C-alpha atoms as a PDB file:
ATOM      1  CA  MET A   1      24.317  13.480  28.867  1.00  0.00           C
ATOM      2  CA  ARG A   2      25.814  17.144  28.672  1.00  0.00           C
ATOM      3  CA  TRP A   3      26.557  18.285  25.132  1.00  0.00           C
ATOM      4  CA  THR A   4      30.097  18.907  26.159  1.00  0.00           C
ATOM      5  CA  GLN A   5      30.404  15.043  27.145  1.00  0.00           C
ATOM      6  CA  THR A   6      29.686  13.731  23.865  1.00  0.00           C
ATOM      7  CA  LEU A   7      30.617  14.932  20.229  1.00  0.00           C
ATOM      8  CA  ILE A   8      28.545  16.980  18.095  1.00  0.00           C
ATOM      9  CA  PRO A   9      30.282  19.024  15.641  1.00  0.00           C
ATOM     10  CA  THR A  10      28.182  20.764  13.699  1.00  0.00           C
ATOM     11  CA  LEU A  11      29.165  22.848  10.863  1.00  0.00           C
ATOM     12  CA  ARG A  12      27.934  26.459   9.749  1.00  0.00           C
ATOM     13  CA  GLU A  13      28.281  25.723   6.081  1.00  0.00           C
ATOM     14  CA  ALA A  14      28.393  21.940   4.273  1.00  0.00           C
ATOM     15  CA  PRO A  15      31.476  21.179   2.318  1.00  0.00           C
ATOM     16  CA  ALA A  16      31.374  21.664  -1.183  1.00  0.00           C
ATOM     17  CA  ASP A  17      31.430  18.087  -2.449  1.00  0.00           C
ATOM     18  CA  ALA A  18      27.952  17.573  -0.786  1.00  0.00           C
ATOM     19  CA  GLU A  19      25.518  17.279  -3.834  1.00  0.00           C
ATOM     20  CA  ILE A  20      21.953  16.854  -1.871  1.00  0.00           C
ATOM     21  CA  LEU A  21      20.106  18.244   1.019  1.00  0.00           C
ATOM     22  CA  SER A  22      20.121  14.945   3.246  1.00  0.00           C
ATOM     23  CA  HIS A  23      23.982  14.945   2.713  1.00  0.00           C
ATOM     24  CA  LYS A  24      24.263  18.460   3.775  1.00  0.00           C
ATOM     25  CA  LEU A  25      22.251  18.279   6.641  1.00  0.00           C
ATOM     26  CA  LEU A  26      24.036  14.899   7.920  1.00  0.00           C
ATOM     27  CA  LEU A  27      27.238  16.880   7.883  1.00  0.00           C
ATOM     28  CA  ARG A  28      25.849  19.995   9.230  1.00  0.00           C
ATOM     29  CA  ALA A  29      24.275  18.527  11.917  1.00  0.00           C
ATOM     30  CA  GLY A  30      27.367  16.378  12.895  1.00  0.00           C
ATOM     31  CA  LEU A  31      25.822  13.293  12.376  1.00  0.00           C
ATOM     32  CA  ILE A  32      28.488  11.658  10.002  1.00  0.00           C
ATOM     33  CA  ARG A  33      31.806  12.644   8.946  1.00  0.00           C
ATOM     34  CA  LYS A  34      33.743  11.572   5.719  1.00  0.00           C
ATOM     35  CA  LEU A  35      36.703   9.450   5.920  1.00  0.00           C
ATOM     36  CA  ALA A  36      37.138   8.753   1.953  1.00  0.00           C
ATOM     37  CA  GLY A  37      35.092   8.595  -0.942  1.00  0.00           C
ATOM     38  CA  GLY A  38      31.696   6.502  -0.107  1.00  0.00           C
ATOM     39  CA  VAL A  39      33.271   5.954   3.411  1.00  0.00           C
ATOM     40  CA  TYR A  40      31.581   7.501   6.260  1.00  0.00           C
ATOM     41  CA  THR A  41      32.043   7.896  10.309  1.00  0.00           C
ATOM     42  CA  CYS A  42      28.569   7.600  11.977  1.00  0.00           C
ATOM     43  CA  LEU A  43      29.194  10.269  14.977  1.00  0.00           C
ATOM     44  CA  PRO A  44      27.570   9.818  18.213  1.00  0.00           C
ATOM     45  CA  LEU A  45      23.823  11.413  17.267  1.00  0.00           C
ATOM     46  CA  GLY A  46      23.850   9.808  13.720  1.00  0.00           C
ATOM     47  CA  LEU A  47      24.463   6.435  15.815  1.00  0.00           C
ATOM     48  CA  ARG A  48      21.362   6.795  17.650  1.00  0.00           C
ATOM     49  CA  ALA A  49      19.386   7.735  14.965  1.00  0.00           C
ATOM     50  CA  LEU A  50      21.039   4.504  12.915  1.00  0.00           C
ATOM     51  CA  ARG A  51      19.964   2.208  15.979  1.00  0.00           C
ATOM     52  CA  LYS A  52      16.117   3.512  15.894  1.00  0.00           C
ATOM     53  CA  VAL A  53      16.076   2.713  12.697  1.00  0.00           C
ATOM     54  CA  GLU A  54      17.235  -0.809  12.877  1.00  0.00           C
ATOM     55  CA  GLN A  55      15.220  -1.391  15.930  1.00  0.00           C
ATOM     56  CA  ILE A  56      12.088  -0.650  13.753  1.00  0.00           C
ATOM     57  CA  VAL A  57      13.608  -2.913  11.094  1.00  0.00           C
ATOM     58  CA  ARG A  58      13.811  -5.757  13.466  1.00  0.00           C
ATOM     59  CA  GLU A  59      10.412  -5.339  15.150  1.00  0.00           C
ATOM     60  CA  GLU A  60       8.922  -5.280  11.960  1.00  0.00           C
ATOM     61  CA  MET A  61      11.007  -8.336  10.431  1.00  0.00           C
ATOM     62  CA  ASP A  62      10.331 -10.194  13.777  1.00  0.00           C
ATOM     63  CA  GLY A  63       6.662  -9.518  13.747  1.00  0.00           C
ATOM     64  CA  ALA A  64       6.725 -11.109  10.212  1.00  0.00           C
ATOM     65  CA  GLY A  65       8.459 -14.416  11.107  1.00  0.00           C
ATOM     66  CA  ALA A  66      11.609 -13.967  10.001  1.00  0.00           C
ATOM     67  CA  VAL A  67      14.841 -15.164  11.817  1.00  0.00           C
ATOM     68  CA  GLU A  68      18.020 -12.900  12.617  1.00  0.00           C
ATOM     69  CA  VAL A  69      21.424 -14.184  11.960  1.00  0.00           C
ATOM     70  CA  LEU A  70      24.674 -12.734  10.967  1.00  0.00           C
ATOM     71  CA  MET A  71      26.499 -13.812   8.022  1.00  0.00           C
ATOM     72  CA  PRO A  72      30.504 -13.261   7.342  1.00  0.00           C
ATOM     73  CA  ALA A  73      31.323 -10.054   5.457  1.00  0.00           C
ATOM     74  CA  LEU A  74      34.443 -12.200   4.166  1.00  0.00           C
ATOM     75  CA  GLN A  75      33.379 -14.668   1.784  1.00  0.00           C
ATOM     76  CA  PRO A  76      35.574 -17.275  -0.012  1.00  0.00           C
ATOM     77  CA  ARG A  77      35.335 -16.917  -4.032  1.00  0.00           C
ATOM     78  CA  GLU A  78      34.605 -20.331  -4.704  1.00  0.00           C
ATOM     79  CA  ILE A  79      30.813 -19.996  -3.617  1.00  0.00           C
ATOM     80  CA  TRP A  80      30.709 -16.914  -5.954  1.00  0.00           C
ATOM     81  CA  GLU A  81      32.206 -19.045  -8.497  1.00  0.00           C
ATOM     82  CA  GLN A  82      29.758 -21.778  -8.040  1.00  0.00           C
ATOM     83  CA  SER A  83      27.030 -19.290  -8.373  1.00  0.00           C
ATOM     84  CA  GLY A  84      28.702 -17.722 -11.321  1.00  0.00           C
ATOM     85  CA  ARG A  85      28.515 -14.227 -10.014  1.00  0.00           C
ATOM     86  CA  ALA A  86      32.166 -14.360  -9.738  1.00  0.00           C
ATOM     87  CA  GLN A  87      32.444 -12.601 -13.188  1.00  0.00           C
ATOM     88  CA  THR A  88      28.748 -11.125 -13.600  1.00  0.00           C
ATOM     89  CA  ALA A  89      29.453  -9.202 -10.506  1.00  0.00           C
ATOM     90  CA  SER A  90      32.919  -9.091 -10.574  1.00  0.00           C
ATOM     91  CA  ASN A  91      32.768  -4.793 -11.410  1.00  0.00           C
ATOM     92  CA  VAL A  92      31.581  -4.175  -7.988  1.00  0.00           C
ATOM     93  CA  LEU A  93      33.049  -6.903  -5.720  1.00  0.00           C
ATOM     94  CA  PHE A  94      35.875  -5.731  -3.244  1.00  0.00           C
ATOM     95  CA  LYS A  95      38.526  -8.695  -3.368  1.00  0.00           C
ATOM     96  CA  VAL A  96      41.381  -9.149  -0.791  1.00  0.00           C
ATOM     97  CA  LYS A  97      43.967 -11.994  -0.693  1.00  0.00           C
ATOM     98  CA  ASP A  98      45.371 -13.848   2.418  1.00  0.00           C
ATOM     99  CA  GLY A  99      48.882 -14.693   3.141  1.00  0.00           C
ATOM    100  CA  ALA A 100      48.607 -17.765   1.304  1.00  0.00           C
ATOM    101  CA  GLY A 101      47.428 -16.048  -1.886  1.00  0.00           C
ATOM    102  CA  ARG A 102      43.941 -17.141  -1.684  1.00  0.00           C
ATOM    103  CA  GLU A 103      41.021 -14.636  -2.928  1.00  0.00           C
ATOM    104  CA  TRP A 104      38.215 -13.112  -0.704  1.00  0.00           C
ATOM    105  CA  PHE A 105      35.265 -11.239  -1.235  1.00  0.00           C
ATOM    106  CA  LEU A 106      34.026  -8.522   1.053  1.00  0.00           C
ATOM    107  CA  SER A 107      30.195  -8.826   0.967  1.00  0.00           C
ATOM    108  CA  PRO A 108      27.968  -6.884  -1.372  1.00  0.00           C
ATOM    109  CA  THR A 109      25.151  -9.046  -0.401  1.00  0.00           C
ATOM    110  CA  ALA A 110      24.371 -12.762   0.514  1.00  0.00           C
ATOM    111  CA  GLU A 111      22.922 -15.202  -1.684  1.00  0.00           C
ATOM    112  CA  GLU A 112      25.768 -17.224  -1.636  1.00  0.00           C
ATOM    113  CA  VAL A 113      26.312 -17.790   2.090  1.00  0.00           C
ATOM    114  CA  ILE A 114      23.036 -18.260   2.546  1.00  0.00           C
ATOM    115  CA  THR A 115      21.781 -20.657   0.344  1.00  0.00           C
ATOM    116  CA  THR A 116      25.517 -22.859   1.110  1.00  0.00           C
ATOM    117  CA  LEU A 117      23.814 -22.507   5.129  1.00  0.00           C
ATOM    118  CA  ALA A 118      20.563 -23.700   3.596  1.00  0.00           C
ATOM    119  CA  ALA A 119      21.782 -26.906   1.638  1.00  0.00           C
ATOM    120  CA  ASN A 120      24.053 -28.145   4.740  1.00  0.00           C
ATOM    121  CA  GLU A 121      21.466 -27.488   7.465  1.00  0.00           C
ATOM    122  CA  ILE A 122      18.341 -27.629   5.719  1.00  0.00           C
ATOM    123  CA  ASN A 123      17.418 -31.542   5.394  1.00  0.00           C
ATOM    124  CA  SER A 124      13.584 -31.849   4.775  1.00  0.00           C
ATOM    125  CA  TYR A 125      10.620 -29.777   3.419  1.00  0.00           C
ATOM    126  CA  ARG A 126       9.341 -30.046   6.917  1.00  0.00           C
ATOM    127  CA  GLN A 127      11.898 -27.654   8.016  1.00  0.00           C
ATOM    128  CA  LEU A 128      10.338 -24.982   5.564  1.00  0.00           C
ATOM    129  CA  PRO A 129       9.401 -22.217   5.034  1.00  0.00           C
ATOM    130  CA  LYS A 130      12.384 -20.229   6.457  1.00  0.00           C
ATOM    131  CA  ASN A 131      12.653 -16.360   6.141  1.00  0.00           C
ATOM    132  CA  PHE A 132      16.505 -15.642   7.674  1.00  0.00           C
ATOM    133  CA  TYR A 133      17.671 -12.055   7.615  1.00  0.00           C
ATOM    134  CA  GLN A 134      20.768 -10.080   8.853  1.00  0.00           C
ATOM    135  CA  VAL A 135      21.404  -6.378   9.762  1.00  0.00           C
ATOM    136  CA  SER A 136      25.234  -5.881   8.480  1.00  0.00           C
ATOM    137  CA  LEU A 137      27.943  -3.985   6.533  1.00  0.00           C
ATOM    138  CA  LYS A 138      27.986  -4.189   3.127  1.00  0.00           C
ATOM    139  CA  PHE A 139      30.665  -3.516   0.308  1.00  0.00           C
ATOM    140  CA  ARG A 140      30.489  -2.327  -3.121  1.00  0.00           C
ATOM    141  CA  ASP A 141      33.241  -0.959  -5.173  1.00  0.00           C
ATOM    142  CA  GLU A 142      31.411   2.082  -6.387  1.00  0.00           C
ATOM    143  CA  ILE A 143      33.078   3.648  -9.480  1.00  0.00           C
ATOM    144  CA  ARG A 144      31.524   7.079  -8.288  1.00  0.00           C
ATOM    145  CA  PRO A 145      30.342   7.538  -5.029  1.00  0.00           C
ATOM    146  CA  ARG A 146      27.924  10.265  -4.386  1.00  0.00           C
ATOM    147  CA  PHE A 147      24.627  11.575  -2.624  1.00  0.00           C
ATOM    148  CA  GLY A 148      26.758  10.662   0.929  1.00  0.00           C
ATOM    149  CA  LEU A 149      25.099   7.474   2.430  1.00  0.00           C
ATOM    150  CA  MET A 150      23.275   6.585  -0.768  1.00  0.00           C
ATOM    151  CA  ARG A 151      26.084   5.553  -3.070  1.00  0.00           C
ATOM    152  CA  ALA A 152      28.685   4.276  -0.407  1.00  0.00           C
ATOM    153  CA  ARG A 153      30.940   1.895  -0.932  1.00  0.00           C
ATOM    154  CA  GLU A 154      30.521   0.664   2.640  1.00  0.00           C
ATOM    155  CA  PHE A 155      26.925   0.624   4.026  1.00  0.00           C
ATOM    156  CA  ILE A 156      24.382  -1.228   6.422  1.00  0.00           C
ATOM    157  CA  MET A 157      21.865  -3.142   4.903  1.00  0.00           C
ATOM    158  CA  LYS A 158      18.965  -5.590   6.007  1.00  0.00           C
ATOM    159  CA  ASP A 159      18.649  -8.584   3.582  1.00  0.00           C
ATOM    160  CA  ALA A 160      16.608 -11.484   4.012  1.00  0.00           C
ATOM    161  CA  TYR A 161      16.231 -14.584   2.234  1.00  0.00           C
ATOM    162  CA  SER A 162      13.144 -17.109   2.565  1.00  0.00           C
ATOM    163  CA  PHE A 163      12.812 -20.435   1.386  1.00  0.00           C
ATOM    164  CA  ASP A 164       9.811 -22.139   0.467  1.00  0.00           C
ATOM    165  CA  ILE A 165       9.093 -25.601  -0.875  1.00  0.00           C
ATOM    166  CA  SER A 166       6.486 -24.131  -3.888  1.00  0.00           C
ATOM    167  CA  ASP A 167       6.240 -20.946  -6.022  1.00  0.00           C
ATOM    168  CA  GLU A 168       3.115 -20.119  -3.831  1.00  0.00           C
ATOM    169  CA  GLY A 169       4.695 -20.489  -0.684  1.00  0.00           C
ATOM    170  CA  ALA A 170       7.197 -17.859  -1.902  1.00  0.00           C
ATOM    171  CA  MET A 171       4.607 -15.656  -2.817  1.00  0.00           C
ATOM    172  CA  VAL A 172       3.418 -15.735   0.875  1.00  0.00           C
ATOM    173  CA  SER A 173       6.788 -15.001   1.792  1.00  0.00           C
ATOM    174  CA  TYR A 174       7.035 -12.626  -0.635  1.00  0.00           C
ATOM    175  CA  ARG A 175       4.044 -10.569   0.597  1.00  0.00           C
ATOM    176  CA  LYS A 176       4.823 -10.722   4.192  1.00  0.00           C
ATOM    177  CA  MET A 177       8.199  -9.050   3.547  1.00  0.00           C
ATOM    178  CA  TYR A 178       6.531  -6.519   1.063  1.00  0.00           C
ATOM    179  CA  ASP A 179       3.928  -5.460   3.912  1.00  0.00           C
ATOM    180  CA  ALA A 180       6.809  -5.257   6.410  1.00  0.00           C
ATOM    181  CA  TYR A 181       8.779  -3.270   4.515  1.00  0.00           C
ATOM    182  CA  ALA A 182       6.031  -0.582   4.176  1.00  0.00           C
ATOM    183  CA  ARG A 183       5.326  -0.790   7.796  1.00  0.00           C
ATOM    184  CA  ILE A 184       8.866   0.166   8.174  1.00  0.00           C
ATOM    185  CA  PHE A 185       8.705   2.922   5.873  1.00  0.00           C
ATOM    186  CA  ALA A 186       5.836   4.163   7.298  1.00  0.00           C
ATOM    187  CA  ARG A 187       6.994   4.008  10.800  1.00  0.00           C
ATOM    188  CA  CYS A 188       9.954   6.368   9.479  1.00  0.00           C
ATOM    189  CA  GLY A 189       7.270   8.661   7.930  1.00  0.00           C
ATOM    190  CA  LEU A 190       8.204   7.910   4.447  1.00  0.00           C
ATOM    191  CA  LYS A 191       6.051   7.667   1.948  1.00  0.00           C
ATOM    192  CA  THR A 192       6.821   4.960  -1.165  1.00  0.00           C
ATOM    193  CA  LEU A 193       6.102   3.840  -4.442  1.00  0.00           C
ATOM    194  CA  PRO A 194       6.206   0.230  -5.729  1.00  0.00           C
ATOM    195  CA  VAL A 195       8.222   0.027  -8.818  1.00  0.00           C
ATOM    196  CA  GLU A 196       8.518  -2.999 -11.129  1.00  0.00           C
ATOM    197  CA  ALA A 197      12.441  -3.361 -11.828  1.00  0.00           C
ATOM    198  CA  ASP A 198      14.540  -5.737 -13.963  1.00  0.00           C
ATOM    199  CA  THR A 199      15.172  -8.905 -11.992  1.00  0.00           C
ATOM    200  CA  GLY A 200      18.867  -9.020 -13.701  1.00  0.00           C
ATOM    201  CA  VAL A 201      20.967 -11.913 -14.820  1.00  0.00           C
ATOM    202  CA  ILE A 202      19.914 -13.701 -11.636  1.00  0.00           C
ATOM    203  CA  GLY A 203      16.455 -14.152 -12.442  1.00  0.00           C
ATOM    204  CA  GLY A 204      13.272 -14.715 -11.037  1.00  0.00           C
ATOM    205  CA  GLY A 205       9.540 -14.086 -11.342  1.00  0.00           C
ATOM    206  CA  PHE A 206       9.544 -10.229 -10.694  1.00  0.00           C
ATOM    207  CA  LEU A 207      11.015  -7.577  -8.420  1.00  0.00           C
ATOM    208  CA  ARG A 208       9.401  -4.823  -6.651  1.00  0.00           C
ATOM    209  CA  GLY A 209      11.363  -1.753  -5.329  1.00  0.00           C
ATOM    210  CA  LEU A 210      10.010   0.618  -2.844  1.00  0.00           C
ATOM    211  CA  ARG A 211      10.960   3.966  -3.902  1.00  0.00           C
ATOM    212  CA  LEU A 212      10.511   7.643  -2.381  1.00  0.00           C
ATOM    213  CA  ARG A 213       9.899  10.370  -5.099  1.00  0.00           C
ATOM    214  CA  ARG A 214      12.754  12.597  -4.839  1.00  0.00           C
ATOM    215  CA  LYS A 215      14.423  15.433  -7.298  1.00  0.00           C
ATOM    216  CA  SER A 216      17.770  13.613  -6.546  1.00  0.00           C
ATOM    217  CA  GLY A 217      18.810  10.616  -7.737  1.00  0.00           C
ATOM    218  CA  GLU A 218      19.817   8.549 -10.944  1.00  0.00           C
ATOM    219  CA  GLY A 219      16.636   6.273 -11.949  1.00  0.00           C
ATOM    220  CA  ASP A 220      14.022   6.704 -14.519  1.00  0.00           C
ATOM    221  CA  GLN A 221      10.283   6.086 -13.223  1.00  0.00           C
ATOM    222  CA  ARG A 222       6.964   6.057 -15.410  1.00  0.00           C
ATOM    223  CA  HIS A 223       4.029   6.631 -13.440  1.00  0.00           C
ATOM    224  CA  SER A 224       0.372   5.021 -14.248  1.00  0.00           C
ATOM    225  CA  GLU A 225      -2.712   5.310 -12.118  1.00  0.00           C
ATOM    226  CA  ASP A 226      -3.947   1.663 -12.438  1.00  0.00           C
ATOM    227  CA  GLY A 227      -2.505  -1.093 -10.210  1.00  0.00           C
ATOM    228  CA  GLY A 228      -0.539  -3.697 -11.776  1.00  0.00           C
ATOM    229  CA  PRO A 229       0.513  -7.373 -10.820  1.00  0.00           C
ATOM    230  CA  GLY A 230       1.892  -7.637  -7.249  1.00  0.00           C
ATOM    231  CA  ASN A 231       0.836  -4.369  -6.032  1.00  0.00           C
ATOM    232  CA  ARG A 232      -1.891  -4.019  -3.387  1.00  0.00           C
ATOM    233  CA  PRO A 233      -4.956  -2.535  -4.459  1.00  0.00           C
ATOM    234  CA  GLY A 234      -4.950   1.213  -4.768  1.00  0.00           C
ATOM    235  CA  ASP A 235      -1.103   1.674  -5.272  1.00  0.00           C
ATOM    236  CA  ARG A 236       0.577   3.320  -7.924  1.00  0.00           C
ATOM    237  CA  LYS A 237       2.188   1.419 -10.690  1.00  0.00           C
ATOM    238  CA  VAL A 238       5.173   2.437 -11.296  1.00  0.00           C
ATOM    239  CA  ARG A 239       7.929   1.029 -13.753  1.00  0.00           C
ATOM    240  CA  HIS A 240      11.358   1.817 -13.503  1.00  0.00           C
ATOM    241  CA  ALA A 241      14.666   1.448 -15.512  1.00  0.00           C
ATOM    242  CA  ARG A 242      17.425   0.379 -12.966  1.00  0.00           C
ATOM    243  CA  ARG A 243      21.374   1.531 -13.361  1.00  0.00           C
ATOM    244  CA  PRO A 244      23.058  -1.344 -15.354  1.00  0.00           C
ATOM    245  CA  ASP A 245      25.847  -1.288 -13.079  1.00  0.00           C
ATOM    246  CA  HIS A 246      23.593  -2.587 -10.507  1.00  0.00           C
ATOM    247  CA  ARG A 247      21.948  -5.532 -12.335  1.00  0.00           C
ATOM    248  CA  SER A 248      24.888  -8.049 -11.695  1.00  0.00           C
ATOM    249  CA  LEU A 249      23.590  -8.262  -7.908  1.00  0.00           C
ATOM    250  CA  GLU A 250      20.077  -7.920  -8.089  1.00  0.00           C
ATOM    251  CA  PRO A 251      18.144 -10.822  -5.959  1.00  0.00           C
ATOM    252  CA  GLY A 252      16.382 -13.891  -7.610  1.00  0.00           C
ATOM    253  CA  THR A 253      17.073 -17.663  -7.182  1.00  0.00           C
ATOM    254  CA  ILE A 254      19.992 -19.203  -6.587  1.00  0.00           C
ATOM    255  CA  GLN A 255      20.416 -23.120  -5.807  1.00  0.00           C
ATOM    256  CA  GLY A 256      21.754 -24.682  -2.966  1.00  0.00           C
ATOM    257  CA  SER A 257      25.273 -26.597  -3.593  1.00  0.00           C
ATOM    258  CA  ARG A 258      24.364 -29.742  -1.751  1.00  0.00           C
ATOM    259  CA  GLN A 259      21.987 -32.714  -2.755  1.00  0.00           C
ATOM    260  CA  PRO A 260      20.177 -32.888   0.327  1.00  0.00           C
ATOM    261  CA  PRO A 261      19.796 -36.625   1.874  1.00  0.00           C
ATOM    262  CA  ASP A 262      16.203 -36.577   2.590  1.00  0.00           C
ATOM    263  CA  GLN A 263      14.972 -37.311  -1.094  1.00  0.00           C
ATOM    264  CA  ASP A 264      11.784 -35.760  -0.281  1.00  0.00           C
ATOM    265  CA  ALA A 265      12.972 -32.371   0.829  1.00  0.00           C
ATOM    266  CA  GLY A 266      13.751 -31.017  -2.863  1.00  0.00           C
ATOM    267  CA  LEU A 267      15.842 -28.668  -1.730  1.00  0.00           C
ATOM    268  CA  HIS A 268      17.734 -28.076  -5.017  1.00  0.00           C
ATOM    269  CA  ARG A 269      14.699 -27.255  -6.538  1.00  0.00           C
ATOM    270  CA  ARG A 270      13.157 -24.851  -3.854  1.00  0.00           C
ATOM    271  CA  PRO A 271      12.281 -21.123  -4.735  1.00  0.00           C
ATOM    272  CA  GLN A 272      14.107 -18.566  -2.940  1.00  0.00           C
ATOM    273  CA  THR A 273      13.063 -15.235  -3.079  1.00  0.00           C
ATOM    274  CA  ASP A 274      15.504 -12.321  -1.511  1.00  0.00           C
ATOM    275  CA  HIS A 275      14.474  -8.987   0.049  1.00  0.00           C
ATOM    276  CA  HIS A 276      16.689  -6.239   0.597  1.00  0.00           C
ATOM    277  CA  LEU A 277      16.452  -2.679   2.667  1.00  0.00           C
ATOM    278  CA  ASP A 278      19.642  -0.785   2.760  1.00  0.00           C
ATOM    279  CA  SER A 279      21.039   2.610   4.367  1.00  0.00           C
ATOM    280  CA  ARG A 280      21.374   4.151   0.541  1.00  0.00           C
ATOM    281  CA  GLY A 281      17.853   4.786   0.178  1.00  0.00           C
END
């Protein structure tokens, strides 16, 4: 395609509100344009780069045995009330009302939706393990959007949710996702460090994040050279204190809503492990 047939609006200088290098380069190279605080249009070159990253993610997730689905961004308040996060995550939820006055949430994550689906459709332990993932838009009411795509109100996230019949099985699923994420970052040319983090109000055994070492950002990290539980041999153990405004959305365990008809299924006790990868870094 000729340059004149597409849209690549480069800039000589970055806008004054662009704080970090990645944000400046995205704007100057004509990959994105800001519509409002935390809301961006992805231009042709930016979309092309995004599709390449999505393809890498899908190849690695499919190779790890995960099954792609697409869940709704518009979610009823009732399922969030059932999990208790309508209150605990209220500060980051975008809320809308329909013509009848019923309240809905714009999806910041999908634990409530996927556990509702699993409770209704998985009737026996023989159907497990299952690992569902999606690549879709998410919405979070960031108080202070900044750093370009890294702290946006609307962003693209790959989120995955595995269902297993035992804690041991959940750890197997976790390891597959850990290794898949490591391959994704490696294929993108990024060197990451495993990070121990707080699992938040949802709970769960432990949480590991793969983070980049950068001067920009708002997280504090402490490093030690010895390996830690859940890290691969030779990995550097990193402890990280997360920002408190995101704890209400940390992955963990959410129980299904329906008692399964198969008494052997035990789906109301099944371990669930969440695996998130989003475009904000």
